[in-house]
Structure formats: structure tokens, C-alpha cells
N, C-alpha and C. Protein backbone atom coordinates (compact mmCIF):
# COMPACT_ATOMS: atom_id res chain seq x y z
N MET A 1 -5.83 1.12 1.04
CA MET A 1 -5.83 -0.15 -0.06
C MET A 1 -7.22 0.07 -1.19
N THR A 2 -7.25 0.18 -2.27
CA THR A 2 -8.61 0.32 -2.93
C THR A 2 -8.67 -1.10 -3.24
N ASP A 3 -10.25 -1.77 -3.51
CA ASP A 3 -10.27 -2.72 -3.53
C ASP A 3 -11.93 -3.32 -4.41
N HIS A 4 -12.41 -2.86 -5.61
CA HIS A 4 -13.45 -2.27 -6.38
C HIS A 4 -14.50 -3.97 -6.10
N GLU A 5 -14.40 -4.80 -5.66
CA GLU A 5 -14.76 -5.84 -5.39
C GLU A 5 -15.19 -5.98 -4.10
N ARG A 6 -14.85 -5.42 -3.22
CA ARG A 6 -14.92 -5.84 -1.50
C ARG A 6 -15.62 -4.33 -1.04
N ILE A 7 -14.78 -2.92 -1.79
CA ILE A 7 -15.43 -1.70 -1.63
C ILE A 7 -15.92 -0.97 -2.88
N PRO A 8 -16.96 -1.75 -3.13
CA PRO A 8 -17.10 -0.66 -4.66
C PRO A 8 -17.21 0.57 -4.82
N ASN A 9 -17.69 1.20 -3.55
CA ASN A 9 -17.70 3.19 -3.33
C ASN A 9 -16.67 3.33 -2.66
N PRO A 10 -15.78 3.42 -3.01
CA PRO A 10 -14.41 3.90 -2.38
C PRO A 10 -14.58 5.08 -1.44
N ASP A 11 -15.57 6.10 -2.13
CA ASP A 11 -15.67 7.45 -1.35
C ASP A 11 -16.22 7.49 -0.62
N SER A 12 -17.19 6.15 -0.16
CA SER A 12 -17.18 6.42 1.69
C SER A 12 -16.47 5.86 2.29
N LEU A 13 -15.32 5.24 2.13
CA LEU A 13 -13.95 4.81 2.65
C LEU A 13 -13.20 6.28 2.55
N LEU A 14 -13.09 7.14 1.80
CA LEU A 14 -12.17 8.12 1.52
C LEU A 14 -13.00 9.04 2.63
N ASN A 15 -13.88 9.08 2.99
CA ASN A 15 -14.60 9.78 3.89
C ASN A 15 -14.62 9.25 5.57
N ALA A 16 -14.02 8.32 5.73
CA ALA A 16 -13.87 7.89 6.91
C ALA A 16 -12.31 7.96 7.61
N LEU A 17 -11.54 8.68 6.41
CA LEU A 17 -10.26 8.62 6.39
C LEU A 17 -9.70 9.96 6.95
N PRO A 18 -8.40 9.69 8.33
CA PRO A 18 -8.31 11.56 9.04
C PRO A 18 -7.28 11.66 7.11
N GLN A 19 -7.44 13.53 7.50
CA GLN A 19 -6.45 14.16 6.91
C GLN A 19 -5.27 13.10 6.95
N GLY A 20 -4.29 13.77 5.53
CA GLY A 20 -2.62 13.11 6.10
C GLY A 20 -3.25 11.63 5.20
N THR A 21 -3.87 10.85 5.52
CA THR A 21 -3.79 9.43 5.15
C THR A 21 -3.61 9.16 3.58
N ALA A 22 -2.64 8.09 3.30
CA ALA A 22 -2.40 7.67 1.96
C ALA A 22 -3.57 6.51 1.47
N VAL A 23 -4.15 6.85 0.12
CA VAL A 23 -4.45 5.75 -0.13
C VAL A 23 -4.32 5.51 -1.62
N ILE A 24 -3.85 3.95 -1.08
CA ILE A 24 -2.99 3.07 -2.61
C ILE A 24 -4.19 2.63 -3.51
N PHE A 25 -4.48 3.32 -4.68
CA PHE A 25 -5.40 2.83 -5.85
C PHE A 25 -4.54 1.30 -6.54
N ARG A 26 -5.62 0.58 -6.22
CA ARG A 26 -5.30 -0.71 -6.58
C ARG A 26 -5.94 -1.28 -7.95
N ASP A 27 -6.87 -2.13 -8.06
CA ASP A 27 -8.05 -1.90 -9.09
C ASP A 27 -7.45 -2.26 -10.27
N TYR A 28 -6.93 -3.48 -10.15
CA TYR A 28 -5.58 -3.62 -11.36
C TYR A 28 -6.67 -3.86 -13.01
N ASN A 29 -7.81 -4.03 -12.69
CA ASN A 29 -8.49 -4.86 -13.79
C ASN A 29 -9.95 -4.22 -13.72
N ALA A 30 -9.92 -2.82 -12.95
CA ALA A 30 -11.05 -1.85 -13.59
C ALA A 30 -10.83 -1.90 -14.91
N PRO A 31 -12.15 -1.29 -15.89
CA PRO A 31 -12.38 -1.20 -17.12
C PRO A 31 -12.09 -0.03 -17.35
N ASP A 32 -11.76 0.96 -16.89
CA ASP A 32 -10.97 2.37 -17.48
C ASP A 32 -10.63 2.92 -16.30
N ARG A 33 -9.22 2.11 -15.74
CA ARG A 33 -8.55 2.17 -15.05
C ARG A 33 -7.97 3.66 -14.87
N THR A 34 -7.92 4.53 -15.69
CA THR A 34 -7.19 5.44 -15.64
C THR A 34 -8.32 6.60 -15.36
N SER A 35 -9.57 6.74 -15.79
CA SER A 35 -10.61 7.31 -15.25
C SER A 35 -11.15 7.30 -13.54
N LEU A 36 -10.87 5.96 -13.31
CA LEU A 36 -11.66 5.87 -12.00
C LEU A 36 -10.14 6.40 -11.02
N ALA A 37 -8.76 6.03 -11.60
CA ALA A 37 -7.90 6.72 -10.83
C ALA A 37 -7.97 8.49 -10.68
N GLN A 38 -8.41 9.13 -11.73
CA GLN A 38 -8.50 10.05 -11.21
C GLN A 38 -9.85 10.63 -10.78
N LYS A 39 -10.63 9.97 -10.57
CA LYS A 39 -11.91 10.15 -10.27
C LYS A 39 -11.00 10.41 -8.43
N LEU A 40 -10.65 9.25 -7.74
CA LEU A 40 -10.44 9.08 -6.87
C LEU A 40 -9.56 9.93 -6.54
N CYS A 41 -8.15 10.36 -7.39
CA CYS A 41 -7.19 11.12 -6.71
C CYS A 41 -7.89 12.55 -6.20
N THR A 42 -9.18 12.72 -7.42
CA THR A 42 -9.34 14.26 -6.94
C THR A 42 -10.11 14.38 -5.40
N SER A 43 -10.98 13.31 -5.41
CA SER A 43 -11.71 13.28 -4.32
C SER A 43 -10.65 13.04 -2.88
N ALA A 44 -9.74 12.08 -3.33
CA ALA A 44 -8.32 12.15 -2.13
C ALA A 44 -8.24 13.50 -1.89
N ARG A 45 -7.68 14.38 -2.81
CA ARG A 45 -7.25 15.30 -2.60
C ARG A 45 -7.89 16.74 -1.91
N ALA A 46 -9.42 16.53 -2.50
CA ALA A 46 -10.35 17.12 -1.63
C ALA A 46 -10.67 16.78 -0.16
N LYS A 47 -10.26 15.99 0.48
CA LYS A 47 -10.53 15.64 1.36
C LYS A 47 -9.26 15.40 2.32
N GLY A 48 -8.28 16.07 1.92
CA GLY A 48 -6.77 15.97 2.26
C GLY A 48 -5.97 15.14 2.63
N LEU A 49 -6.12 13.73 1.96
CA LEU A 49 -5.48 12.79 1.35
C LEU A 49 -4.46 12.72 0.72
N LEU A 50 -3.41 11.96 0.81
CA LEU A 50 -2.23 11.78 -0.26
C LEU A 50 -3.14 10.26 -1.45
N PHE A 51 -2.84 10.42 -2.42
CA PHE A 51 -3.15 9.24 -3.60
C PHE A 51 -1.89 8.44 -4.26
N PHE A 52 -1.82 7.24 -3.96
CA PHE A 52 -0.31 6.45 -4.69
C PHE A 52 -1.38 5.66 -6.01
N VAL A 53 -0.87 5.41 -7.06
CA VAL A 53 -1.35 4.49 -8.14
C VAL A 53 -0.60 3.29 -7.51
N ALA A 54 -1.11 2.22 -7.62
CA ALA A 54 -0.26 0.86 -7.83
C ALA A 54 0.19 0.53 -9.14
N ALA A 55 1.89 0.31 -9.34
CA ALA A 55 2.03 -0.72 -10.72
C ALA A 55 1.77 0.08 -11.84
N ASP A 56 1.94 1.32 -11.71
CA ASP A 56 1.71 2.42 -13.00
C ASP A 56 2.08 4.08 -12.91
N ILE A 57 3.35 3.85 -13.02
CA ILE A 57 4.16 5.56 -13.36
C ILE A 57 3.35 6.15 -14.46
N LYS A 58 2.88 5.76 -15.45
CA LYS A 58 1.83 6.23 -16.79
C LYS A 58 0.36 7.02 -15.82
N ILE A 59 -0.52 6.39 -15.09
CA ILE A 59 -1.41 6.45 -14.83
C ILE A 59 -0.77 7.80 -13.83
N ALA A 60 -0.24 7.14 -12.45
CA ALA A 60 0.70 8.25 -11.27
C ALA A 60 0.37 9.79 -11.61
N ARG A 61 1.17 9.73 -13.01
CA ARG A 61 1.95 11.08 -13.44
C ARG A 61 0.28 11.81 -14.45
N ASP A 62 -0.43 11.21 -15.05
CA ASP A 62 -1.31 11.71 -15.72
C ASP A 62 -2.36 12.11 -14.77
N VAL A 63 -2.61 11.14 -13.59
CA VAL A 63 -3.67 11.89 -12.72
C VAL A 63 -3.02 13.03 -11.28
N GLY A 64 -1.96 13.00 -11.71
CA GLY A 64 -1.19 13.78 -10.85
C GLY A 64 -1.24 13.15 -9.43
N ALA A 65 -0.66 12.16 -9.49
CA ALA A 65 -0.97 11.18 -7.86
C ALA A 65 0.44 11.65 -7.39
N ASP A 66 0.59 11.66 -5.51
CA ASP A 66 1.76 11.76 -4.50
C ASP A 66 2.91 10.73 -5.15
N GLY A 67 2.17 9.42 -5.72
CA GLY A 67 3.30 8.11 -5.52
C GLY A 67 2.74 7.54 -6.45
N VAL A 68 3.72 6.39 -6.00
CA VAL A 68 3.40 5.01 -6.89
C VAL A 68 3.90 3.97 -5.73
N HIS A 69 2.53 3.22 -5.95
CA HIS A 69 3.24 1.51 -4.81
C HIS A 69 3.61 0.20 -5.73
N ILE A 70 4.83 0.00 -5.29
CA ILE A 70 5.19 -1.15 -6.12
C ILE A 70 4.58 -2.44 -5.56
N PRO A 71 3.75 -3.19 -6.11
CA PRO A 71 2.94 -4.47 -5.62
C PRO A 71 3.92 -5.44 -5.53
N GLY A 72 3.81 -6.52 -4.52
CA GLY A 72 4.50 -7.97 -4.77
C GLY A 72 4.52 -8.81 -5.95
N PHE A 73 3.62 -8.66 -6.93
CA PHE A 73 3.51 -9.45 -7.64
C PHE A 73 3.96 -9.19 -8.73
N LEU A 74 5.17 -7.85 -8.66
CA LEU A 74 5.74 -7.59 -10.05
C LEU A 74 7.40 -8.03 -9.87
N ASN A 75 7.97 -8.39 -11.09
CA ASN A 75 9.48 -9.03 -10.93
C ASN A 75 10.21 -8.18 -11.03
N SER A 76 11.82 -8.79 -10.58
CA SER A 76 12.74 -7.68 -9.71
C SER A 76 13.20 -6.27 -11.37
N ALA A 77 12.84 -7.01 -12.76
CA ALA A 77 12.88 -5.67 -13.85
C ALA A 77 11.69 -5.34 -13.74
N GLU A 78 10.14 -5.40 -13.60
CA GLU A 78 9.39 -4.80 -13.36
C GLU A 78 9.16 -3.51 -12.30
N ARG A 79 10.02 -4.06 -11.20
CA ARG A 79 10.19 -3.20 -9.63
C ARG A 79 10.79 -1.60 -10.35
N ARG A 80 11.92 -2.69 -11.29
CA ARG A 80 13.60 -1.49 -11.21
C ARG A 80 12.76 -0.38 -12.32
N LEU A 81 12.03 -0.58 -13.09
CA LEU A 81 11.33 0.14 -14.17
C LEU A 81 10.80 1.33 -13.34
N LEU A 82 9.85 0.73 -12.56
CA LEU A 82 9.07 1.56 -11.82
C LEU A 82 9.74 2.84 -10.94
N VAL A 83 10.56 2.16 -9.82
CA VAL A 83 11.62 3.29 -9.29
C VAL A 83 12.34 4.20 -10.14
N LYS A 84 12.44 4.01 -11.40
CA LYS A 84 13.12 4.27 -12.44
C LYS A 84 12.45 5.46 -12.72
N GLY A 85 11.29 4.89 -12.95
CA GLY A 85 10.13 6.17 -14.03
C GLY A 85 9.93 6.68 -12.88
N ALA A 86 9.40 6.45 -11.50
CA ALA A 86 9.13 7.06 -10.29
C ALA A 86 10.19 8.60 -9.72
N ASN A 87 11.96 8.43 -9.94
CA ASN A 87 12.72 9.13 -9.78
C ASN A 87 12.41 10.12 -10.68
N MET A 88 12.38 9.98 -11.96
CA MET A 88 12.01 10.96 -13.16
C MET A 88 11.09 11.69 -12.85
N THR A 89 9.86 11.50 -12.35
CA THR A 89 8.68 11.97 -12.61
C THR A 89 9.00 12.97 -10.95
N GLY A 90 9.67 12.35 -9.63
CA GLY A 90 9.38 12.90 -8.65
C GLY A 90 8.41 12.61 -7.51
N HIS A 91 8.07 11.43 -8.12
CA HIS A 91 6.82 10.64 -7.55
C HIS A 91 7.36 9.65 -6.34
N GLU A 92 6.90 9.74 -4.90
CA GLU A 92 7.45 9.03 -3.81
C GLU A 92 6.94 7.35 -4.37
N LEU A 93 7.61 6.79 -3.83
CA LEU A 93 7.24 5.26 -3.35
C LEU A 93 7.38 4.40 -2.26
N THR A 94 6.07 3.75 -2.65
CA THR A 94 5.58 2.69 -1.56
C THR A 94 6.00 1.28 -1.90
N LEU A 95 6.16 0.29 -1.09
CA LEU A 95 7.02 -1.18 -1.79
C LEU A 95 6.00 -2.00 -0.93
N ALA A 96 5.40 -2.99 -1.16
CA ALA A 96 4.96 -4.11 -0.65
C ALA A 96 5.93 -5.62 -0.31
N CYS A 97 6.51 -5.66 0.87
CA CYS A 97 7.06 -6.21 1.66
C CYS A 97 6.68 -7.72 2.10
N HIS A 98 6.99 -8.52 1.64
CA HIS A 98 6.89 -10.16 2.58
C HIS A 98 7.82 -10.59 2.50
N SER A 99 9.38 -10.40 2.72
CA SER A 99 9.88 -11.29 3.25
C SER A 99 11.51 -10.06 3.33
N TRP A 100 12.40 -11.05 4.11
CA TRP A 100 13.72 -9.83 4.26
C TRP A 100 14.33 -9.22 2.82
N SER A 101 14.44 -10.13 1.95
CA SER A 101 14.88 -9.65 0.57
C SER A 101 14.23 -8.62 0.08
N ASP A 102 12.86 -7.93 0.35
CA ASP A 102 12.09 -7.28 0.12
C ASP A 102 12.31 -5.83 0.89
N ILE A 103 12.95 -6.30 2.22
CA ILE A 103 12.70 -4.84 3.23
C ILE A 103 14.36 -4.46 3.12
N GLN A 104 15.23 -5.39 2.12
CA GLN A 104 16.43 -5.01 1.89
C GLN A 104 16.51 -3.99 0.49
N PHE A 105 15.57 -4.64 -0.70
CA PHE A 105 14.98 -3.70 -1.53
C PHE A 105 14.62 -2.47 -1.31
N ALA A 106 13.68 -2.29 0.04
CA ALA A 106 12.78 -1.49 0.18
C ALA A 106 13.81 -0.32 0.82
N ASN A 107 14.84 -0.88 2.06
CA ASN A 107 16.16 -0.19 2.31
C ASN A 107 16.85 0.31 1.33
N GLU A 108 17.44 -0.09 0.35
CA GLU A 108 18.20 -0.02 -0.78
C GLU A 108 17.59 0.92 -1.75
N ILE A 109 16.19 1.24 -2.02
CA ILE A 109 15.75 2.44 -2.84
C ILE A 109 15.01 3.34 -2.22
N GLY A 110 14.88 3.83 -0.69
CA GLY A 110 14.77 4.66 -0.14
C GLY A 110 13.13 4.82 -0.38
N VAL A 111 12.37 3.70 0.10
CA VAL A 111 10.99 4.16 -0.47
C VAL A 111 10.38 4.95 0.88
N ALA A 112 9.11 5.88 0.48
CA ALA A 112 8.62 6.68 1.62
C ALA A 112 8.05 5.59 3.11
N ALA A 113 7.68 4.38 2.25
CA ALA A 113 6.99 3.69 3.34
C ALA A 113 7.17 2.15 2.30
N ALA A 114 7.42 0.90 3.63
CA ALA A 114 7.15 -0.35 3.15
C ALA A 114 5.82 -0.95 3.81
N PHE A 115 5.28 -1.72 3.01
CA PHE A 115 3.78 -2.37 3.51
C PHE A 115 4.25 -3.81 3.56
N LEU A 116 4.81 -4.03 4.99
CA LEU A 116 5.22 -5.54 5.31
C LEU A 116 3.51 -6.16 5.38
N SER A 117 3.42 -7.13 4.57
CA SER A 117 2.21 -8.29 4.86
C SER A 117 2.17 -9.65 4.25
N PRO A 118 1.64 -10.71 4.53
CA PRO A 118 0.30 -10.09 5.22
C PRO A 118 0.71 -10.62 6.97
N ALA A 119 0.45 -9.55 7.71
CA ALA A 119 0.83 -9.84 9.05
C ALA A 119 -0.08 -11.06 9.54
N PHE A 120 -1.17 -11.23 9.41
CA PHE A 120 -2.50 -11.99 9.50
C PHE A 120 -2.45 -12.52 8.39
N ALA A 121 -3.83 -13.65 8.73
CA ALA A 121 -4.47 -14.05 7.28
C ALA A 121 -5.78 -12.86 7.16
N THR A 122 -5.46 -13.33 5.63
CA THR A 122 -6.52 -11.88 4.78
C THR A 122 -7.10 -12.44 3.80
N ARG A 123 -8.24 -11.88 3.38
CA ARG A 123 -9.22 -12.38 2.37
C ARG A 123 -8.56 -11.82 0.91
N SER A 124 -8.01 -10.66 1.02
CA SER A 124 -6.99 -10.76 0.03
C SER A 124 -6.22 -11.49 -0.71
N HIS A 125 -5.65 -12.75 0.09
CA HIS A 125 -4.58 -13.60 -0.45
C HIS A 125 -4.82 -14.67 0.24
N PRO A 126 -6.37 -15.10 -0.14
CA PRO A 126 -6.83 -16.44 0.70
C PRO A 126 -5.83 -18.15 0.55
N GLY A 127 -4.88 -18.50 1.46
CA GLY A 127 -4.14 -19.51 1.47
C GLY A 127 -3.16 -19.17 1.59
N ALA A 128 -2.92 -17.89 1.16
CA ALA A 128 -1.48 -17.33 1.92
C ALA A 128 -0.71 -17.29 3.30
N SER A 129 0.40 -18.14 2.84
CA SER A 129 0.52 -18.10 4.60
C SER A 129 0.91 -16.40 5.22
N SER A 130 0.79 -16.42 6.60
CA SER A 130 0.62 -15.07 6.50
C SER A 130 2.09 -15.07 7.61
N LEU A 131 2.61 -13.52 7.97
CA LEU A 131 4.20 -13.75 9.01
C LEU A 131 3.84 -13.68 10.14
N GLY A 132 2.63 -13.85 10.86
CA GLY A 132 2.42 -13.49 12.33
C GLY A 132 2.92 -12.37 12.79
N ALA A 133 2.46 -12.27 14.44
CA ALA A 133 3.08 -11.46 14.93
C ALA A 133 4.82 -11.18 15.02
N ALA A 134 5.34 -12.42 15.56
CA ALA A 134 6.73 -12.23 16.01
C ALA A 134 7.51 -12.32 14.48
N LYS A 135 7.45 -12.69 13.64
CA LYS A 135 7.79 -12.34 12.36
C LYS A 135 8.08 -10.81 11.51
N PHE A 136 6.66 -10.74 11.93
CA PHE A 136 6.58 -9.65 11.51
C PHE A 136 7.55 -8.41 12.04
N LYS A 137 7.63 -8.62 13.65
CA LYS A 137 8.31 -7.86 14.29
C LYS A 137 9.82 -7.49 14.13
N THR A 138 10.43 -8.97 13.72
CA THR A 138 11.53 -9.15 13.56
C THR A 138 11.84 -8.53 12.12
N LEU A 139 11.35 -8.35 11.02
CA LEU A 139 11.23 -8.01 10.04
C LEU A 139 11.48 -6.07 9.95
N ALA A 140 10.27 -5.76 11.17
CA ALA A 140 10.17 -4.46 11.01
C ALA A 140 11.40 -3.76 11.69
N ARG A 141 11.89 -4.37 12.84
CA ARG A 141 13.02 -4.12 13.27
C ARG A 141 14.54 -3.65 12.59
N GLN A 142 14.27 -4.90 11.40
CA GLN A 142 15.64 -4.50 10.20
C GLN A 142 15.19 -3.65 9.09
N ALA A 143 14.40 -3.34 9.35
CA ALA A 143 14.10 -2.40 8.11
C ALA A 143 14.87 -0.69 8.64
N SER A 144 15.36 -0.16 7.94
CA SER A 144 15.65 1.40 7.84
C SER A 144 14.63 2.68 7.06
N ARG A 145 13.67 1.76 6.87
CA ARG A 145 12.49 2.63 6.34
C ARG A 145 11.55 2.38 7.29
N PRO A 146 10.12 3.24 6.67
CA PRO A 146 9.25 3.08 7.91
C PRO A 146 8.31 2.17 7.47
N ILE A 147 7.82 1.13 8.44
CA ILE A 147 7.29 -0.01 7.98
C ILE A 147 5.57 0.34 8.18
N VAL A 148 4.16 -0.11 7.35
CA VAL A 148 2.80 -0.26 7.34
C VAL A 148 2.40 -1.49 7.49
N ALA A 149 1.88 -1.85 8.72
CA ALA A 149 1.30 -2.99 8.73
C ALA A 149 0.30 -3.34 7.87
N LEU A 150 -0.07 -4.27 7.09
CA LEU A 150 -0.89 -4.48 5.96
C LEU A 150 -1.52 -6.44 6.35
N GLY A 151 -2.43 -6.92 5.87
CA GLY A 151 -3.14 -7.84 5.88
C GLY A 151 -3.37 -8.66 7.48
N GLY A 152 -4.90 -8.82 7.05
CA GLY A 152 -5.59 -9.32 8.26
C GLY A 152 -5.45 -8.31 9.37
N VAL A 153 -5.37 -7.07 9.52
CA VAL A 153 -5.23 -5.94 10.55
C VAL A 153 -6.35 -5.42 10.89
N LYS A 154 -6.68 -6.03 11.72
CA LYS A 154 -7.60 -5.22 12.51
C LYS A 154 -7.92 -4.63 13.83
N ALA A 155 -9.15 -3.86 14.26
CA ALA A 155 -8.74 -3.46 15.96
C ALA A 155 -8.27 -4.38 16.80
N HIS A 156 -8.63 -5.69 16.67
CA HIS A 156 -8.34 -6.69 18.04
C HIS A 156 -7.04 -7.18 17.89
N ASN A 157 -6.41 -7.21 16.67
CA ASN A 157 -4.77 -7.80 16.74
C ASN A 157 -3.83 -6.76 16.70
N ALA A 158 -4.03 -5.07 16.29
CA ALA A 158 -3.33 -4.43 15.81
C ALA A 158 -2.22 -3.82 16.78
N TRP A 159 -2.39 -4.48 17.71
CA TRP A 159 -1.86 -3.97 18.86
C TRP A 159 -0.54 -4.59 18.89
N GLN A 160 -0.69 -6.20 18.13
CA GLN A 160 0.22 -7.03 18.27
C GLN A 160 1.32 -7.04 17.43
N LEU A 161 1.08 -5.98 16.62
CA LEU A 161 2.59 -5.61 15.38
C LEU A 161 2.90 -4.54 16.20
N SER A 162 3.05 -3.42 17.22
CA SER A 162 3.73 -2.65 17.53
C SER A 162 5.54 -2.92 17.83
N ALA A 163 6.01 -2.40 16.79
CA ALA A 163 8.08 -2.33 16.77
C ALA A 163 8.42 -1.20 16.44
N LYS A 164 9.75 -1.10 16.59
CA LYS A 164 10.89 -0.03 15.91
C LYS A 164 10.17 -0.24 14.48
N ASN A 165 10.06 0.85 13.59
CA ASN A 165 9.68 1.47 12.35
C ASN A 165 8.38 1.54 12.06
N VAL A 166 7.39 0.60 12.50
CA VAL A 166 6.33 0.07 12.58
C VAL A 166 5.38 1.66 12.78
N VAL A 167 4.90 2.58 11.79
CA VAL A 167 4.61 3.73 11.92
C VAL A 167 2.72 3.95 11.36
N GLY A 168 2.14 2.70 11.02
CA GLY A 168 0.62 2.78 10.72
C GLY A 168 0.30 1.98 10.06
N LEU A 169 -1.20 1.64 10.05
CA LEU A 169 -1.73 0.46 9.51
C LEU A 169 -2.38 0.88 8.23
N ALA A 170 -2.46 -0.41 7.21
CA ALA A 170 -3.30 -0.33 6.53
C ALA A 170 -4.17 -1.41 5.98
N ALA A 171 -5.48 -1.17 5.92
CA ALA A 171 -6.58 -2.52 5.75
C ALA A 171 -7.23 -2.14 4.75
N ILE A 172 -8.07 -3.08 4.51
CA ILE A 172 -9.26 -3.11 3.47
C ILE A 172 -10.43 -3.57 4.56
N ASP A 173 -10.39 -4.80 4.77
CA ASP A 173 -11.35 -5.62 5.72
C ASP A 173 -11.47 -4.81 7.17
N ALA A 174 -10.82 -3.92 7.55
CA ALA A 174 -11.67 -3.55 8.82
C ALA A 174 -12.33 -2.35 8.30
N PHE A 175 -12.34 -1.76 7.39
CA PHE A 175 -13.13 -0.46 6.73
C PHE A 175 -14.59 -1.38 6.13
N VAL A 176 -14.77 -2.89 5.97
CA VAL A 176 -15.43 -3.44 5.76
C VAL A 176 -16.32 -4.36 7.12
N GLN A 177 -17.71 -3.89 6.60
CA GLN A 177 -18.83 -4.77 7.88
C GLN A 177 -18.82 -6.11 7.06
N GLY A 178 -19.04 -7.26 7.87
CA GLY A 178 -18.89 -8.60 7.59
C GLY A 178 -17.93 -9.83 7.10
């Protein structure tokens, strides 16, 4: 997950990721989001990484991204438009999930992966209540799609999220010192 405020130079992050890892470009308020996405997509491809654009099918199409990520702040109609656009362009979909209804939607539309969050307290969403390990695992077991843990996931707590359908971890703070 990119976050320009906390990781101003995402190329250093891309260099640390193993081939086949997916990078989700967020940076919703970047002054020239399309140019930044193109630069990062090119870098990701050169390193053997997958590249997804959050919330914008046009940018995903224009930069040749592998997929589109549906963030949690979109309303139902906006989410459905992204699903329709991704189906028309052949892009893979990922979805931010925060509840059982989100898991049901992920199951319904057949996402490549559902990012279940926040597993733990996170700086990305200060003050938001986290799922905690027990609720996270309960929701993950109810999914029919692959689950990626997100939100406050670090080396010391990732083991607590092991459950059926959990296929990976996503993080920002795990890559940021301090």
C-alpha cells in the first residue's frame, strides 16, 4: 500500500518486496496522480511486482495496471461502477473489507483478494476500532475469497492472524522506521 506522507519515496519500498508481490497505489490526493501511478507501475513491472490502482479504473487502464483496488470509503454505487469497469477492461479486483457485509460483497463479485482490516490499531486510521485477532479470524474463515491481513500488522503480531483463507499480509508501518 502506498502512502506518500509516510513513504515519500516508494521506490525504496518496491526494492524490498519479493517478486510477485502486489503493490496497491493509493495516494488519492497526489497532485499528478496519473503520472505518479505510471512511474510506480513502470518500476513495479521492472521488479516483477503486480500493480493495482485504488479507486480509479481510468488510471488503471491508462498506466497498464494489473488491477483495481476498491477502497472502503466508496459507497455501494461507486463500488459497483468499479466492478463493472474492471469486468469490461479485464482488470483483477481487490476489495477493502471491514465487516461481514464487505466479506459477502467480496464473495459475490469474486475478487482476487479481500484486504481485511484493520486487524490491529493502525496509524492509517487513527481512532478507528480494530477487529482484533479473534474477529479477524472469524471473518476470514467465512470468506470464500483469499484474505490479506491489513492494519497494524507487524512482525510481532502477524502470527495471530493465521486462519483459513489468509494468504498474505499487507502493511505500511512494517516498512517504515519510527
